[in-house]
Amino acid sequence: MRHDTSGLSNRPLERADGAWTAVTPDGRMRVRFTERNAFGVLDHHVIPPSGDAIYVPVRVVANGSGSDITFTLFRRPDASDEEFARDADWVSRDLNTLKTLLESRG
């Protein structure tokens, strides 16, 4: 299975040493997810080359025959309006890609 996230890279993510790695224009970024659990918690940390981890909380909640996903995007203290808008756009595209993928699996 491919693991793509348009917000990080236009190439598939690679798994090594307990983390996913994306090659980005800003260098290699690591992504570390919480341990697999039964509670729908998919929190992760995006770790850019600077090493300053960005916390990304994600929840999956059952809803009838489907699920709802809640993705919280915190604005980084140093992010400009344009950078935050770009991050929000990437998240939106990634969530739409996830929706399309999951719906195609029936």
Protein backbone atom coordinates (compact mmCIF):
# COMPACT_ATOMS: atom_id res chain seq x y z
CA MET A 1 0.00 0.00 0.00
CA ARG A 2 1.24 3.47 -0.79
CA HIS A 3 1.44 5.95 2.05
CA ASP A 4 1.15 9.40 0.52
CA THR A 5 0.60 12.74 2.15
CA SER A 6 0.52 15.69 -0.20
CA GLY A 7 1.28 18.04 2.68
CA LEU A 8 4.66 16.49 3.27
CA SER A 9 5.83 15.06 -0.01
CA ASN A 10 4.73 14.14 -3.49
CA ARG A 11 6.55 10.80 -3.07
CA PRO A 12 5.50 7.78 -1.01
CA LEU A 13 6.55 7.77 2.63
CA GLU A 14 9.26 5.31 3.70
CA ARG A 15 9.20 3.37 6.97
CA ALA A 16 12.39 2.96 9.00
CA ASP A 17 13.34 2.91 12.69
CA GLY A 18 9.74 3.12 13.93
CA ALA A 19 8.93 6.25 11.94
CA TRP A 20 7.77 7.24 8.49
CA THR A 21 10.06 9.51 6.49
CA ALA A 22 9.08 11.96 3.76
CA VAL A 23 11.50 13.71 1.44
CA THR A 24 10.35 17.33 1.16
CA PRO A 25 11.73 20.49 -0.44
CA ASP A 26 12.87 21.45 3.09
CA GLY A 27 14.68 18.16 3.70
CA ARG A 28 13.72 14.84 5.26
CA MET A 29 10.79 14.93 7.68
CA ARG A 30 9.93 12.12 10.06
CA VAL A 31 6.41 11.22 11.17
CA ARG A 32 5.86 9.23 14.37
CA PHE A 33 2.40 7.85 15.15
CA THR A 34 0.97 6.77 18.49
CA GLU A 35 0.95 3.04 19.10
CA ARG A 36 -1.91 1.10 17.50
CA ASN A 37 -4.91 1.25 19.83
CA ALA A 38 -8.62 0.46 20.00
CA PHE A 39 -9.66 4.02 20.82
CA GLY A 40 -9.42 5.69 17.40
CA VAL A 41 -6.43 7.81 18.40
CA LEU A 42 -4.11 8.45 15.44
CA ASP A 43 -2.07 11.29 16.92
CA HIS A 44 1.29 11.86 15.35
CA HIS A 45 4.28 14.16 15.42
CA VAL A 46 5.80 15.62 12.27
CA ILE A 47 9.50 16.21 12.86
CA PRO A 48 11.21 18.57 10.38
CA PRO A 49 14.99 18.72 9.94
CA SER A 50 15.17 21.32 12.76
CA GLY A 51 13.98 18.62 15.17
CA ASP A 52 11.11 20.74 16.56
CA ALA A 53 8.22 18.25 16.55
CA ILE A 54 4.79 19.42 15.42
CA TYR A 55 1.96 17.67 17.29
CA VAL A 56 -1.00 16.61 15.15
CA PRO A 57 -3.99 15.12 17.03
CA VAL A 58 -6.31 12.90 14.98
CA ARG A 59 -9.37 10.94 16.13
CA VAL A 60 -11.55 8.38 14.37
CA VAL A 61 -15.05 7.93 15.78
CA ALA A 62 -17.57 5.31 14.64
CA ASN A 63 -20.70 6.83 13.12
CA GLY A 64 -23.33 4.34 12.00
CA SER A 65 -21.87 2.25 9.20
CA GLY A 66 -18.98 4.69 8.73
CA SER A 67 -16.61 6.86 10.70
CA ASP A 68 -15.84 10.51 11.28
CA ILE A 69 -12.26 11.73 11.38
CA THR A 70 -11.28 14.79 13.39
CA PHE A 71 -7.94 16.34 12.44
CA THR A 72 -6.76 19.29 14.51
CA LEU A 73 -4.37 21.69 12.82
CA PHE A 74 -2.63 23.94 15.31
CA ARG A 75 -1.07 27.11 13.96
CA ARG A 76 2.65 27.16 14.63
CA PRO A 77 3.66 30.31 16.56
CA ASP A 78 6.01 31.44 13.77
CA ALA A 79 3.63 30.66 10.87
CA SER A 80 2.50 33.50 8.64
CA ASP A 81 -1.10 33.71 7.44
CA GLU A 82 0.04 32.31 4.09
CA GLU A 83 1.90 29.38 5.68
CA PHE A 84 -1.08 28.49 7.86
CA ALA A 85 -3.44 28.67 4.87
CA ARG A 86 -1.06 26.43 2.90
CA ASP A 87 -0.95 23.92 5.77
CA ALA A 88 -4.77 23.94 6.00
CA ASP A 89 -5.03 23.38 2.24
CA TRP A 90 -2.63 20.41 2.44
CA VAL A 91 -4.65 18.88 5.28
CA SER A 92 -7.85 19.32 3.30
CA ARG A 93 -6.35 17.63 0.24
CA ASP A 94 -4.98 14.76 2.32
CA LEU A 95 -8.34 14.21 4.03
CA ASN A 96 -10.12 14.24 0.66
CA THR A 97 -7.59 11.69 -0.65
CA LEU A 98 -8.23 9.52 2.41
CA LYS A 99 -12.00 9.82 1.90
CA THR A 100 -11.70 8.79 -1.76
CA LEU A 101 -9.44 5.85 -0.88
CA LEU A 102 -11.71 4.57 1.88
CA GLU A 103 -14.91 4.99 -0.14
CA SER A 104 -13.39 3.13 -3.11
CA ARG A 105 -12.75 0.13 -0.84
CA GLY A 106 -16.50 -0.07 -0.22
